Amino acid sequence: MRVQLAPRITADPKAAFGKPVVEGTRVPVEIVVGKLSGGMTIDEVMDDYVLTRDDVLAALSYAADLIASERIRIRA
């Protein structure tokens, strides 16, 4: 059962171990973000993974939303 997590981002327990992927692909969000953080350009990621610019930006937006909602407890 596929679940829409965000615009252009889905998860399906039968694909990519249930991790969030770019909709219509098997490309995990973590791969897109990891490649960009490793120095690849958006155009390079698009070419290597057959994604659109909107796909790449959707992956970044989804990752940013996850980080924004993260709560960290610091114990002294």
C-alpha atoms as a PDB file:
ATOM      1  CA  MET A   1       0.000   0.000   0.000  1.00  0.00           C
ATOM      2  CA  ARG A   2       1.581   3.237  -1.183  1.00  0.00           C
ATOM      3  CA  VAL A   3       1.259   6.310   1.058  1.00  0.00           C
ATOM      4  CA  GLN A   4       1.636   9.918  -0.091  1.00  0.00           C
ATOM      5  CA  LEU A   5       3.940  11.578   2.475  1.00  0.00           C
ATOM      6  CA  ALA A   6       4.320  14.936   0.740  1.00  0.00           C
ATOM      7  CA  PRO A   7       3.937  16.322  -2.754  1.00  0.00           C
ATOM      8  CA  ARG A   8       5.924  13.987  -5.072  1.00  0.00           C
ATOM      9  CA  ILE A   9       7.143  11.867  -2.122  1.00  0.00           C
ATOM     10  CA  THR A  10       5.669   8.429  -1.368  1.00  0.00           C
ATOM     11  CA  ALA A  11       6.423   5.349   0.703  1.00  0.00           C
ATOM     12  CA  ASP A  12       5.499   1.739   0.034  1.00  0.00           C
ATOM     13  CA  PRO A  13       6.573  -1.177   2.228  1.00  0.00           C
ATOM     14  CA  LYS A  14       7.092  -3.189  -0.970  1.00  0.00           C
ATOM     15  CA  ALA A  15       9.590  -0.715  -2.445  1.00  0.00           C
ATOM     16  CA  ALA A  16      12.895   0.594  -1.078  1.00  0.00           C
ATOM     17  CA  PHE A  17      12.223  -1.048   2.304  1.00  0.00           C
ATOM     18  CA  GLY A  18       9.363   1.402   2.887  1.00  0.00           C
ATOM     19  CA  LYS A  19      11.641   4.437   2.823  1.00  0.00           C
ATOM     20  CA  PRO A  20      10.383   7.700   1.318  1.00  0.00           C
ATOM     21  CA  VAL A  21      11.026   7.813  -2.434  1.00  0.00           C
ATOM     22  CA  VAL A  22      10.428  10.239  -5.253  1.00  0.00           C
ATOM     23  CA  GLU A  23       6.974   9.405  -6.582  1.00  0.00           C
ATOM     24  CA  GLY A  24       6.979   7.126  -9.608  1.00  0.00           C
ATOM     25  CA  THR A  25      10.580   6.037  -8.991  1.00  0.00           C
ATOM     26  CA  ARG A  26      12.542   3.842  -6.624  1.00  0.00           C
ATOM     27  CA  VAL A  27      14.918   6.698  -5.778  1.00  0.00           C
ATOM     28  CA  PRO A  28      14.975   7.262  -1.999  1.00  0.00           C
ATOM     29  CA  VAL A  29      14.897  10.804  -0.661  1.00  0.00           C
ATOM     30  CA  GLU A  30      18.007  10.014   1.365  1.00  0.00           C
ATOM     31  CA  ILE A  31      19.959   9.276  -1.832  1.00  0.00           C
ATOM     32  CA  VAL A  32      18.924  12.577  -3.410  1.00  0.00           C
ATOM     33  CA  VAL A  33      19.834  14.581  -0.302  1.00  0.00           C
ATOM     34  CA  GLY A  34      23.042  12.613   0.231  1.00  0.00           C
ATOM     35  CA  LYS A  35      24.248  13.158  -3.329  1.00  0.00           C
ATOM     36  CA  LEU A  36      23.556  16.891  -3.101  1.00  0.00           C
ATOM     37  CA  SER A  37      25.327  17.146   0.245  1.00  0.00           C
ATOM     38  CA  GLY A  38      28.245  15.248  -1.263  1.00  0.00           C
ATOM     39  CA  GLY A  39      28.723  17.936  -3.868  1.00  0.00           C
ATOM     40  CA  MET A  40      26.673  16.818  -6.849  1.00  0.00           C
ATOM     41  CA  THR A  41      24.689  19.540  -8.566  1.00  0.00           C
ATOM     42  CA  ILE A  42      20.936  19.354  -9.026  1.00  0.00           C
ATOM     43  CA  ASP A  43      21.512  18.796 -12.744  1.00  0.00           C
ATOM     44  CA  GLU A  44      23.893  15.896 -12.048  1.00  0.00           C
ATOM     45  CA  VAL A  45      21.389  14.243  -9.702  1.00  0.00           C
ATOM     46  CA  MET A  46      18.659  14.765 -12.287  1.00  0.00           C
ATOM     47  CA  ASP A  47      20.772  13.124 -14.985  1.00  0.00           C
ATOM     48  CA  ASP A  48      22.050  10.222 -12.860  1.00  0.00           C
ATOM     49  CA  TYR A  49      18.628   9.293 -11.424  1.00  0.00           C
ATOM     50  CA  VAL A  50      16.301  10.427 -14.248  1.00  0.00           C
ATOM     51  CA  LEU A  51      14.528  12.969 -12.050  1.00  0.00           C
ATOM     52  CA  THR A  52      13.072  16.380 -12.762  1.00  0.00           C
ATOM     53  CA  ARG A  53      14.122  19.545 -10.990  1.00  0.00           C
ATOM     54  CA  ASP A  54      10.749  19.485  -9.196  1.00  0.00           C
ATOM     55  CA  ASP A  55      11.486  15.921  -7.983  1.00  0.00           C
ATOM     56  CA  VAL A  56      14.831  16.972  -6.511  1.00  0.00           C
ATOM     57  CA  LEU A  57      13.334  20.064  -4.882  1.00  0.00           C
ATOM     58  CA  ALA A  58      10.480  17.961  -3.462  1.00  0.00           C
ATOM     59  CA  ALA A  59      13.015  15.623  -1.850  1.00  0.00           C
ATOM     60  CA  LEU A  60      14.826  18.586  -0.304  1.00  0.00           C
ATOM     61  CA  SER A  61      11.569  20.089   0.904  1.00  0.00           C
ATOM     62  CA  TYR A  62      10.493  16.795   2.488  1.00  0.00           C
ATOM     63  CA  ALA A  63      13.856  16.448   4.249  1.00  0.00           C
ATOM     64  CA  ALA A  64      13.679  20.054   5.484  1.00  0.00           C
ATOM     65  CA  ASP A  65      10.178  19.469   6.859  1.00  0.00           C
ATOM     66  CA  LEU A  66      11.388  16.401   8.752  1.00  0.00           C
ATOM     67  CA  ILE A  67      14.256  18.326  10.301  1.00  0.00           C
ATOM     68  CA  ALA A  68      11.996  21.261  11.151  1.00  0.00           C
ATOM     69  CA  SER A  69       9.638  18.997  13.085  1.00  0.00           C
ATOM     70  CA  GLU A  70      12.417  17.129  14.889  1.00  0.00           C
ATOM     71  CA  ARG A  71      12.585  17.581  18.641  1.00  0.00           C
ATOM     72  CA  ILE A  72      15.793  16.906  20.535  1.00  0.00           C
ATOM     73  CA  ARG A  73      15.875  16.435  24.271  1.00  0.00           C
ATOM     74  CA  ILE A  74      19.082  17.460  25.958  1.00  0.00           C
ATOM     75  CA  ARG A  75      19.640  16.132  29.443  1.00  0.00           C
ATOM     76  CA  ALA A  76      22.098  17.762  31.765  1.00  0.00           C
END
